[in-house]
Amino acid sequence: MERSHQYGRFYEEIKPALKSKLEEFRLFGYERVTEKELWDYLTKKKWKKVKEDIHLYEVVADVLSVQAGELMNHATVEAFKLGDFSLEDEEERQKLLK
């Protein structure tokens, strides 16, 4: 797990919050979301602008406030950027619709 983000110093302390959020996603049917994907979303999107004097409770609140739709939108955009699939391939379209 890449922890080079400035908030990476909180990673071990917020692990329970990350696990809790993943469990919540699983309750809503998002079984495939991983801790790495959640962390990537947080570091690349939610915490894009680093706050120098951020406190642990603010980082935890950010983790617990992530909504599944936000994470899925981010994952979709990242997949398009990486070119992981093509809309012209029927099999890939079916994967996208799952």
PDB file of N, CA and C in Angstrom:
ATOM      1  N   MET A   1       0.847  -1.172   0.000  1.00  0.00           N
ATOM      2  CA  MET A   1       0.000   0.000   0.000  1.00  0.00           C
ATOM      3  C   MET A   1       0.893   1.235   0.000  1.00  0.00           C
ATOM      4  N   GLU A   2       0.659   2.109  -0.950  1.00  0.00           N
ATOM      5  CA  GLU A   2       1.458   3.326  -1.040  1.00  0.00           C
ATOM      6  C   GLU A   2       1.000   4.313   0.032  1.00  0.00           C
ATOM      7  N   ARG A   3       1.909   4.655   0.898  1.00  0.00           N
ATOM      8  CA  ARG A   3       1.574   5.603   1.961  1.00  0.00           C
ATOM      9  C   ARG A   3       2.397   6.875   1.831  1.00  0.00           C
ATOM     10  N   SER A   4       2.817   7.189   0.610  1.00  0.00           N
ATOM     11  CA  SER A   4       3.663   8.351   0.404  1.00  0.00           C
ATOM     12  C   SER A   4       2.878   9.657   0.510  1.00  0.00           C
ATOM     13  N   HIS A   5       1.572   9.581   0.496  1.00  0.00           N
ATOM     14  CA  HIS A   5       0.748  10.769   0.688  1.00  0.00           C
ATOM     15  C   HIS A   5       1.031  11.336   2.079  1.00  0.00           C
ATOM     16  N   GLN A   6       0.905  12.626   2.213  1.00  0.00           N
ATOM     17  CA  GLN A   6       1.221  13.268   3.487  1.00  0.00           C
ATOM     18  C   GLN A   6       0.388  12.698   4.641  1.00  0.00           C
ATOM     19  N   TYR A   7      -0.835  12.265   4.361  1.00  0.00           N
ATOM     20  CA  TYR A   7      -1.678  11.706   5.420  1.00  0.00           C
ATOM     21  C   TYR A   7      -1.358  10.240   5.692  1.00  0.00           C
ATOM     22  N   GLY A   8      -0.391   9.706   4.975  1.00  0.00           N
ATOM     23  CA  GLY A   8       0.033   8.324   5.190  1.00  0.00           C
ATOM     24  C   GLY A   8       0.522   8.089   6.609  1.00  0.00           C
ATOM     25  N   ARG A   9       0.915   9.154   7.269  1.00  0.00           N
ATOM     26  CA  ARG A   9       1.372   9.016   8.661  1.00  0.00           C
ATOM     27  C   ARG A   9       0.242   8.562   9.586  1.00  0.00           C
ATOM     28  N   PHE A  10      -1.001   8.753   9.145  1.00  0.00           N
ATOM     29  CA  PHE A  10      -2.162   8.338   9.936  1.00  0.00           C
ATOM     30  C   PHE A  10      -2.633   6.926   9.595  1.00  0.00           C
ATOM     31  N   TYR A  11      -2.020   6.326   8.582  1.00  0.00           N
ATOM     32  CA  TYR A  11      -2.555   5.080   8.021  1.00  0.00           C
ATOM     33  C   TYR A  11      -2.823   4.004   9.074  1.00  0.00           C
ATOM     34  N   GLU A  12      -1.859   3.691   9.895  1.00  0.00           N
ATOM     35  CA  GLU A  12      -2.046   2.618  10.884  1.00  0.00           C
ATOM     36  C   GLU A  12      -3.152   2.965  11.877  1.00  0.00           C
ATOM     37  N   GLU A  13      -3.264   4.223  12.227  1.00  0.00           N
ATOM     38  CA  GLU A  13      -4.274   4.635  13.195  1.00  0.00           C
ATOM     39  C   GLU A  13      -5.687   4.625  12.623  1.00  0.00           C
ATOM     40  N   ILE A  14      -5.818   4.839  11.313  1.00  0.00           N
ATOM     41  CA  ILE A  14      -7.158   4.883  10.716  1.00  0.00           C
ATOM     42  C   ILE A  14      -7.577   3.553  10.094  1.00  0.00           C
ATOM     43  N   LYS A  15      -6.724   2.549  10.203  1.00  0.00           N
ATOM     44  CA  LYS A  15      -7.054   1.238   9.638  1.00  0.00           C
ATOM     45  C   LYS A  15      -8.414   0.714  10.107  1.00  0.00           C
ATOM     46  N   PRO A  16      -8.765   0.849  11.399  1.00  0.00           N
ATOM     47  CA  PRO A  16     -10.099   0.398  11.814  1.00  0.00           C
ATOM     48  C   PRO A  16     -11.229   1.140  11.083  1.00  0.00           C
ATOM     49  N   ALA A  17     -11.047   2.422  10.815  1.00  0.00           N
ATOM     50  CA  ALA A  17     -12.060   3.185  10.080  1.00  0.00           C
ATOM     51  C   ALA A  17     -12.153   2.701   8.632  1.00  0.00           C
ATOM     52  N   LEU A  18     -11.007   2.395   8.026  1.00  0.00           N
ATOM     53  CA  LEU A  18     -11.003   1.864   6.659  1.00  0.00           C
ATOM     54  C   LEU A  18     -11.745   0.533   6.614  1.00  0.00           C
ATOM     55  N   LYS A  19     -11.460  -0.345   7.568  1.00  0.00           N
ATOM     56  CA  LYS A  19     -12.114  -1.649   7.611  1.00  0.00           C
ATOM     57  C   LYS A  19     -13.613  -1.494   7.839  1.00  0.00           C
ATOM     58  N   SER A  20     -13.999  -0.578   8.698  1.00  0.00           N
ATOM     59  CA  SER A  20     -15.411  -0.322   8.962  1.00  0.00           C
ATOM     60  C   SER A  20     -16.123   0.152   7.695  1.00  0.00           C
ATOM     61  N   LYS A  21     -15.485   1.042   6.958  1.00  0.00           N
ATOM     62  CA  LYS A  21     -16.085   1.554   5.723  1.00  0.00           C
ATOM     63  C   LYS A  21     -16.218   0.447   4.690  1.00  0.00           C
ATOM     64  N   LEU A  22     -15.223  -0.434   4.592  1.00  0.00           N
ATOM     65  CA  LEU A  22     -15.290  -1.556   3.659  1.00  0.00           C
ATOM     66  C   LEU A  22     -16.424  -2.507   4.041  1.00  0.00           C
ATOM     67  N   GLU A  23     -16.621  -2.732   5.334  1.00  0.00           N
ATOM     68  CA  GLU A  23     -17.727  -3.574   5.793  1.00  0.00           C
ATOM     69  C   GLU A  23     -19.069  -2.938   5.422  1.00  0.00           C
ATOM     70  N   GLU A  24     -19.161  -1.637   5.562  1.00  0.00           N
ATOM     71  CA  GLU A  24     -20.383  -0.926   5.173  1.00  0.00           C
ATOM     72  C   GLU A  24     -20.652  -1.100   3.681  1.00  0.00           C
ATOM     73  N   PHE A  25     -19.599  -0.954   2.861  1.00  0.00           N
ATOM     74  CA  PHE A  25     -19.760  -1.145   1.423  1.00  0.00           C
ATOM     75  C   PHE A  25     -20.252  -2.557   1.120  1.00  0.00           C
ATOM     76  N   ARG A  26     -19.719  -3.536   1.828  1.00  0.00           N
ATOM     77  CA  ARG A  26     -20.133  -4.921   1.600  1.00  0.00           C
ATOM     78  C   ARG A  26     -21.612  -5.115   1.932  1.00  0.00           C
ATOM     79  N   LEU A  27     -22.095  -4.439   2.962  1.00  0.00           N
ATOM     80  CA  LEU A  27     -23.519  -4.512   3.315  1.00  0.00           C
ATOM     81  C   LEU A  27     -24.397  -3.966   2.200  1.00  0.00           C
ATOM     82  N   PHE A  28     -23.875  -2.996   1.454  1.00  0.00           N
ATOM     83  CA  PHE A  28     -24.619  -2.410   0.344  1.00  0.00           C
ATOM     84  C   PHE A  28     -24.351  -3.105  -0.986  1.00  0.00           C
ATOM     85  N   GLY A  29     -23.608  -4.219  -0.949  1.00  0.00           N
ATOM     86  CA  GLY A  29     -23.392  -5.006  -2.160  1.00  0.00           C
ATOM     87  C   GLY A  29     -22.112  -4.708  -2.918  1.00  0.00           C
ATOM     88  N   TYR A  30     -21.241  -3.902  -2.363  1.00  0.00           N
ATOM     89  CA  TYR A  30     -19.968  -3.592  -3.018  1.00  0.00           C
ATOM     90  C   TYR A  30     -18.882  -4.465  -2.416  1.00  0.00           C
ATOM     91  N   GLU A  31     -18.956  -5.765  -2.692  1.00  0.00           N
ATOM     92  CA  GLU A  31     -18.042  -6.731  -2.087  1.00  0.00           C
ATOM     93  C   GLU A  31     -16.619  -6.628  -2.610  1.00  0.00           C
ATOM     94  N   ARG A  32     -16.452  -6.102  -3.785  1.00  0.00           N
ATOM     95  CA  ARG A  32     -15.138  -6.117  -4.422  1.00  0.00           C
ATOM     96  C   ARG A  32     -14.259  -4.914  -4.101  1.00  0.00           C
ATOM     97  N   VAL A  33     -14.762  -3.955  -3.373  1.00  0.00           N
ATOM     98  CA  VAL A  33     -13.952  -2.781  -3.033  1.00  0.00           C
ATOM     99  C   VAL A  33     -12.868  -3.214  -2.049  1.00  0.00           C
ATOM    100  N   THR A  34     -11.631  -2.837  -2.365  1.00  0.00           N
ATOM    101  CA  THR A  34     -10.506  -3.212  -1.516  1.00  0.00           C
ATOM    102  C   THR A  34     -10.025  -2.018  -0.700  1.00  0.00           C
ATOM    103  N   GLU A  35      -9.234  -2.318   0.304  1.00  0.00           N
ATOM    104  CA  GLU A  35      -8.652  -1.262   1.127  1.00  0.00           C
ATOM    105  C   GLU A  35      -7.770  -0.357   0.273  1.00  0.00           C
ATOM    106  N   LYS A  36      -7.045  -0.942  -0.660  1.00  0.00           N
ATOM    107  CA  LYS A  36      -6.173  -0.163  -1.538  1.00  0.00           C
ATOM    108  C   LYS A  36      -7.001   0.793  -2.398  1.00  0.00           C
ATOM    109  N   GLU A  37      -8.122   0.325  -2.939  1.00  0.00           N
ATOM    110  CA  GLU A  37      -8.967   1.189  -3.758  1.00  0.00           C
ATOM    111  C   GLU A  37      -9.533   2.343  -2.941  1.00  0.00           C
ATOM    112  N   LEU A  38      -9.952   2.053  -1.728  1.00  0.00           N
ATOM    113  CA  LEU A  38     -10.459   3.102  -0.850  1.00  0.00           C
ATOM    114  C   LEU A  38      -9.364   4.106  -0.526  1.00  0.00           C
ATOM    115  N   TRP A  39      -8.181   3.619  -0.196  1.00  0.00           N
ATOM    116  CA  TRP A  39      -7.056   4.501   0.115  1.00  0.00           C
ATOM    117  C   TRP A  39      -6.690   5.348  -1.102  1.00  0.00           C
ATOM    118  N   ASP A  40      -6.664   4.729  -2.282  1.00  0.00           N
ATOM    119  CA  ASP A  40      -6.343   5.471  -3.506  1.00  0.00           C
ATOM    120  C   ASP A  40      -7.353   6.592  -3.742  1.00  0.00           C
ATOM    121  N   TYR A  41      -8.642   6.282  -3.540  1.00  0.00           N
ATOM    122  CA  TYR A  41      -9.673   7.310  -3.701  1.00  0.00           C
ATOM    123  C   TYR A  41      -9.425   8.473  -2.734  1.00  0.00           C
ATOM    124  N   LEU A  42      -9.172   8.131  -1.497  1.00  0.00           N
ATOM    125  CA  LEU A  42      -8.950   9.170  -0.490  1.00  0.00           C
ATOM    126  C   LEU A  42      -7.749  10.043  -0.838  1.00  0.00           C
ATOM    127  N   THR A  43      -6.643   9.418  -1.210  1.00  0.00           N
ATOM    128  CA  THR A  43      -5.424  10.189  -1.461  1.00  0.00           C
ATOM    129  C   THR A  43      -5.471  10.956  -2.783  1.00  0.00           C
ATOM    130  N   LYS A  44      -6.127  10.395  -3.784  1.00  0.00           N
ATOM    131  CA  LYS A  44      -6.136  11.048  -5.092  1.00  0.00           C
ATOM    132  C   LYS A  44      -7.290  12.023  -5.279  1.00  0.00           C
ATOM    133  N   LYS A  45      -8.366  11.817  -4.569  1.00  0.00           N
ATOM    134  CA  LYS A  45      -9.543  12.648  -4.774  1.00  0.00           C
ATOM    135  C   LYS A  45      -9.911  13.463  -3.531  1.00  0.00           C
ATOM    136  N   LYS A  46     -10.230  12.768  -2.450  1.00  0.00           N
ATOM    137  CA  LYS A  46     -10.723  13.430  -1.240  1.00  0.00           C
ATOM    138  C   LYS A  46      -9.652  14.325  -0.612  1.00  0.00           C
ATOM    139  N   TRP A  47      -8.424  13.850  -0.604  1.00  0.00           N
ATOM    140  CA  TRP A  47      -7.329  14.595   0.020  1.00  0.00           C
ATOM    141  C   TRP A  47      -6.383  15.178  -1.019  1.00  0.00           C
ATOM    142  N   LYS A  48      -6.910  15.524  -2.166  1.00  0.00           N
ATOM    143  CA  LYS A  48      -6.074  16.072  -3.230  1.00  0.00           C
ATOM    144  C   LYS A  48      -5.355  17.340  -2.752  1.00  0.00           C
ATOM    145  N   LYS A  49      -6.096  18.178  -2.031  1.00  0.00           N
ATOM    146  CA  LYS A  49      -5.496  19.366  -1.429  1.00  0.00           C
ATOM    147  C   LYS A  49      -5.150  19.021   0.011  1.00  0.00           C
ATOM    148  N   VAL A  50      -3.880  18.971   0.288  1.00  0.00           N
ATOM    149  CA  VAL A  50      -3.402  18.584   1.611  1.00  0.00           C
ATOM    150  C   VAL A  50      -3.561  19.755   2.571  1.00  0.00           C
ATOM    151  N   LYS A  51      -4.120  19.456   3.728  1.00  0.00           N
ATOM    152  CA  LYS A  51      -4.280  20.442   4.794  1.00  0.00           C
ATOM    153  C   LYS A  51      -3.138  20.225   5.781  1.00  0.00           C
ATOM    154  N   GLU A  52      -2.305  21.204   5.954  1.00  0.00           N
ATOM    155  CA  GLU A  52      -1.092  21.059   6.761  1.00  0.00           C
ATOM    156  C   GLU A  52      -1.357  20.700   8.217  1.00  0.00           C
ATOM    157  N   ASP A  53      -2.357  21.295   8.807  1.00  0.00           N
ATOM    158  CA  ASP A  53      -2.599  21.103  10.238  1.00  0.00           C
ATOM    159  C   ASP A  53      -3.803  20.192  10.513  1.00  0.00           C
ATOM    160  N   ILE A  54      -3.979  19.184   9.693  1.00  0.00           N
ATOM    161  CA  ILE A  54      -5.123  18.281   9.851  1.00  0.00           C
ATOM    162  C   ILE A  54      -4.934  17.401  11.090  1.00  0.00           C
ATOM    163  N   HIS A  55      -6.053  17.088  11.715  1.00  0.00           N
ATOM    164  CA  HIS A  55      -6.046  16.251  12.914  1.00  0.00           C
ATOM    165  C   HIS A  55      -6.547  14.854  12.571  1.00  0.00           C
ATOM    166  N   LEU A  56      -6.200  13.909  13.414  1.00  0.00           N
ATOM    167  CA  LEU A  56      -6.599  12.519  13.211  1.00  0.00           C
ATOM    168  C   LEU A  56      -8.109  12.387  13.080  1.00  0.00           C
ATOM    169  N   TYR A  57      -8.866  13.084  13.918  1.00  0.00           N
ATOM    170  CA  TYR A  57     -10.323  12.955  13.875  1.00  0.00           C
ATOM    171  C   TYR A  57     -10.899  13.434  12.538  1.00  0.00           C
ATOM    172  N   GLU A  58     -10.235  14.398  11.889  1.00  0.00           N
ATOM    173  CA  GLU A  58     -10.693  14.873  10.589  1.00  0.00           C
ATOM    174  C   GLU A  58     -10.439  13.824   9.506  1.00  0.00           C
ATOM    175  N   VAL A  59      -9.306  13.160   9.606  1.00  0.00           N
ATOM    176  CA  VAL A  59      -8.978  12.102   8.642  1.00  0.00           C
ATOM    177  C   VAL A  59      -9.972  10.950   8.787  1.00  0.00           C
ATOM    178  N   VAL A  60     -10.261  10.559  10.023  1.00  0.00           N
ATOM    179  CA  VAL A  60     -11.232   9.486  10.274  1.00  0.00           C
ATOM    180  C   VAL A  60     -12.607   9.897   9.755  1.00  0.00           C
ATOM    181  N   ALA A  61     -13.010  11.132  10.003  1.00  0.00           N
ATOM    182  CA  ALA A  61     -14.307  11.614   9.516  1.00  0.00           C
ATOM    183  C   ALA A  61     -14.379  11.557   7.996  1.00  0.00           C
ATOM    184  N   ASP A  62     -13.278  11.901   7.327  1.00  0.00           N
ATOM    185  CA  ASP A  62     -13.236  11.811   5.861  1.00  0.00           C
ATOM    186  C   ASP A  62     -13.440  10.376   5.398  1.00  0.00           C
ATOM    187  N   VAL A  63     -12.776   9.446   6.058  1.00  0.00           N
ATOM    188  CA  VAL A  63     -12.901   8.029   5.689  1.00  0.00           C
ATOM    189  C   VAL A  63     -14.351   7.585   5.856  1.00  0.00           C
ATOM    190  N   LEU A  64     -14.932   7.891   6.990  1.00  0.00           N
ATOM    191  CA  LEU A  64     -16.283   7.413   7.290  1.00  0.00           C
ATOM    192  C   LEU A  64     -17.361   8.121   6.471  1.00  0.00           C
ATOM    193  N   SER A  65     -17.030   9.258   5.872  1.00  0.00           N
ATOM    194  CA  SER A  65     -18.018   9.986   5.076  1.00  0.00           C
ATOM    195  C   SER A  65     -18.012   9.603   3.594  1.00  0.00           C
ATOM    196  N   VAL A  66     -17.103   8.744   3.180  1.00  0.00           N
ATOM    197  CA  VAL A  66     -17.039   8.337   1.774  1.00  0.00           C
ATOM    198  C   VAL A  66     -18.327   7.594   1.416  1.00  0.00           C
ATOM    199  N   GLN A  67     -18.915   7.983   0.305  1.00  0.00           N
ATOM    200  CA  GLN A  67     -20.115   7.314  -0.179  1.00  0.00           C
ATOM    201  C   GLN A  67     -19.736   6.394  -1.336  1.00  0.00           C
ATOM    202  N   ALA A  68     -20.446   5.298  -1.427  1.00  0.00           N
ATOM    203  CA  ALA A  68     -20.142   4.299  -2.453  1.00  0.00           C
ATOM    204  C   ALA A  68     -20.169   4.901  -3.854  1.00  0.00           C
ATOM    205  N   GLY A  69     -21.126   5.763  -4.115  1.00  0.00           N
ATOM    206  CA  GLY A  69     -21.236   6.385  -5.437  1.00  0.00           C
ATOM    207  C   GLY A  69     -20.016   7.207  -5.795  1.00  0.00           C
ATOM    208  N   GLU A  70     -19.486   7.931  -4.814  1.00  0.00           N
ATOM    209  CA  GLU A  70     -18.275   8.724  -5.053  1.00  0.00           C
ATOM    210  C   GLU A  70     -17.110   7.827  -5.444  1.00  0.00           C
ATOM    211  N   LEU A  71     -16.966   6.753  -4.692  1.00  0.00           N
ATOM    212  CA  LEU A  71     -15.867   5.823  -4.941  1.00  0.00           C
ATOM    213  C   LEU A  71     -16.026   5.147  -6.302  1.00  0.00           C
ATOM    214  N   MET A  72     -17.245   4.753  -6.646  1.00  0.00           N
ATOM    215  CA  MET A  72     -17.484   4.091  -7.931  1.00  0.00           C
ATOM    216  C   MET A  72     -17.250   5.057  -9.092  1.00  0.00           C
ATOM    217  N   ASN A  73     -17.673   6.303  -8.944  1.00  0.00           N
ATOM    218  CA  ASN A  73     -17.414   7.300  -9.996  1.00  0.00           C
ATOM    219  C   ASN A  73     -15.917   7.484 -10.210  1.00  0.00           C
ATOM    220  N   HIS A  74     -15.191   7.572  -9.117  1.00  0.00           N
ATOM    221  CA  HIS A  74     -13.735   7.728  -9.204  1.00  0.00           C
ATOM    222  C   HIS A  74     -13.107   6.509  -9.890  1.00  0.00           C
ATOM    223  N   ALA A  75     -13.541   5.322  -9.505  1.00  0.00           N
ATOM    224  CA  ALA A  75     -12.999   4.096 -10.099  1.00  0.00           C
ATOM    225  C   ALA A  75     -13.288   4.036 -11.599  1.00  0.00           C
ATOM    226  N   THR A  76     -14.465   4.479 -11.996  1.00  0.00           N
ATOM    227  CA  THR A  76     -14.828   4.482 -13.411  1.00  0.00           C
ATOM    228  C   THR A  76     -13.947   5.439 -14.198  1.00  0.00           C
ATOM    229  N   VAL A  77     -13.755   6.635 -13.670  1.00  0.00           N
ATOM    230  CA  VAL A  77     -12.910   7.623 -14.339  1.00  0.00           C
ATOM    231  C   VAL A  77     -11.479   7.107 -14.449  1.00  0.00           C
ATOM    232  N   GLU A  78     -10.963   6.520 -13.365  1.00  0.00           N
ATOM    233  CA  GLU A  78      -9.604   5.978 -13.387  1.00  0.00           C
ATOM    234  C   GLU A  78      -9.476   4.852 -14.411  1.00  0.00           C
ATOM    235  N   ALA A  79     -10.498   4.020 -14.524  1.00  0.00           N
ATOM    236  CA  ALA A  79     -10.460   2.927 -15.499  1.00  0.00           C
ATOM    237  C   ALA A  79     -10.424   3.478 -16.925  1.00  0.00           C
ATOM    238  N   PHE A  80     -11.205   4.535 -17.174  1.00  0.00           N
ATOM    239  CA  PHE A  80     -11.163   5.155 -18.494  1.00  0.00           C
ATOM    240  C   PHE A  80      -9.792   5.754 -18.774  1.00  0.00           C
ATOM    241  N   LYS A  81      -9.191   6.386 -17.774  1.00  0.00           N
ATOM    242  CA  LYS A  81      -7.860   6.970 -17.952  1.00  0.00           C
ATOM    243  C   LYS A  81      -6.822   5.908 -18.282  1.00  0.00           C
ATOM    244  N   LEU A  82      -6.937   4.762 -17.626  1.00  0.00           N
ATOM    245  CA  LEU A  82      -5.967   3.687 -17.838  1.00  0.00           C
ATOM    246  C   LEU A  82      -6.258   2.878 -19.090  1.00  0.00           C
ATOM    247  N   GLY A  83      -7.449   3.031 -19.628  1.00  0.00           N
ATOM    248  CA  GLY A  83      -7.820   2.280 -20.816  1.00  0.00           C
ATOM    249  C   GLY A  83      -7.964   0.796 -20.533  1.00  0.00           C
ATOM    250  N   ASP A  84      -8.450   0.457 -19.331  1.00  0.00           N
ATOM    251  CA  ASP A  84      -8.576  -0.941 -18.937  1.00  0.00           C
ATOM    252  C   ASP A  84      -9.642  -1.699 -19.715  1.00  0.00           C
ATOM    253  N   PHE A  85     -10.574  -0.998 -20.319  1.00  0.00           N
ATOM    254  CA  PHE A  85     -11.608  -1.688 -21.068  1.00  0.00           C
ATOM    255  C   PHE A  85     -12.063  -0.815 -22.229  1.00  0.00           C
ATOM    256  N   SER A  86     -12.741  -1.442 -23.148  1.00  0.00           N
ATOM    257  CA  SER A  86     -13.237  -0.748 -24.319  1.00  0.00           C
ATOM    258  C   SER A  86     -14.741  -0.954 -24.402  1.00  0.00           C
ATOM    259  N   LEU A  87     -15.469   0.089 -24.701  1.00  0.00           N
ATOM    260  CA  LEU A  87     -16.919  -0.029 -24.829  1.00  0.00           C
ATOM    261  C   LEU A  87     -17.313  -0.756 -26.114  1.00  0.00           C
ATOM    262  N   GLU A  88     -16.365  -0.988 -26.990  1.00  0.00           N
ATOM    263  CA  GLU A  88     -16.664  -1.675 -28.237  1.00  0.00           C
ATOM    264  C   GLU A  88     -16.651  -3.187 -28.077  1.00  0.00           C
ATOM    265  N   ASP A  89     -16.115  -3.678 -27.010  1.00  0.00           N
ATOM    266  CA  ASP A  89     -16.051  -5.107 -26.734  1.00  0.00           C
ATOM    267  C   ASP A  89     -17.253  -5.498 -25.874  1.00  0.00           C
ATOM    268  N   GLU A  90     -18.091  -6.388 -26.373  1.00  0.00           N
ATOM    269  CA  GLU A  90     -19.316  -6.790 -25.668  1.00  0.00           C
ATOM    270  C   GLU A  90     -19.018  -7.333 -24.269  1.00  0.00           C
ATOM    271  N   GLU A  91     -17.999  -8.145 -24.150  1.00  0.00           N
ATOM    272  CA  GLU A  91     -17.634  -8.717 -22.847  1.00  0.00           C
ATOM    273  C   GLU A  91     -17.245  -7.618 -21.857  1.00  0.00           C
ATOM    274  N   GLU A  92     -16.504  -6.634 -22.313  1.00  0.00           N
ATOM    275  CA  GLU A  92     -16.103  -5.531 -21.458  1.00  0.00           C
ATOM    276  C   GLU A  92     -17.310  -4.685 -21.060  1.00  0.00           C
ATOM    277  N   ARG A  93     -18.244  -4.477 -21.959  1.00  0.00           N
ATOM    278  CA  ARG A  93     -19.471  -3.732 -21.628  1.00  0.00           C
ATOM    279  C   ARG A  93     -20.253  -4.453 -20.539  1.00  0.00           C
ATOM    280  N   GLN A  94     -20.319  -5.775 -20.623  1.00  0.00           N
ATOM    281  CA  GLN A  94     -21.030  -6.550 -19.613  1.00  0.00           C
ATOM    282  C   GLN A  94     -20.358  -6.439 -18.249  1.00  0.00           C
ATOM    283  N   LYS A  95     -19.018  -6.444 -18.227  1.00  0.00           N
ATOM    284  CA  LYS A  95     -18.283  -6.251 -16.974  1.00  0.00           C
ATOM    285  C   LYS A  95     -18.611  -4.909 -16.356  1.00  0.00           C
ATOM    286  N   LEU A  96     -18.697  -3.879 -17.190  1.00  0.00           N
ATOM    287  CA  LEU A  96     -18.977  -2.538 -16.726  1.00  0.00           C
ATOM    288  C   LEU A  96     -20.375  -2.451 -16.110  1.00  0.00           C
ATOM    289  N   LEU A  97     -21.302  -3.189 -16.653  1.00  0.00           N
ATOM    290  CA  LEU A  97     -22.693  -3.131 -16.174  1.00  0.00           C
ATOM    291  C   LEU A  97     -22.929  -3.947 -14.913  1.00  0.00           C
ATOM    292  N   LYS A  98     -21.975  -4.743 -14.505  1.00  0.00           N
ATOM    293  CA  LYS A  98     -22.151  -5.560 -13.290  1.00  0.00           C
ATOM    294  C   LYS A  98     -22.173  -4.705 -12.062  1.00  0.00           C
TER     295      LYS A  98
END
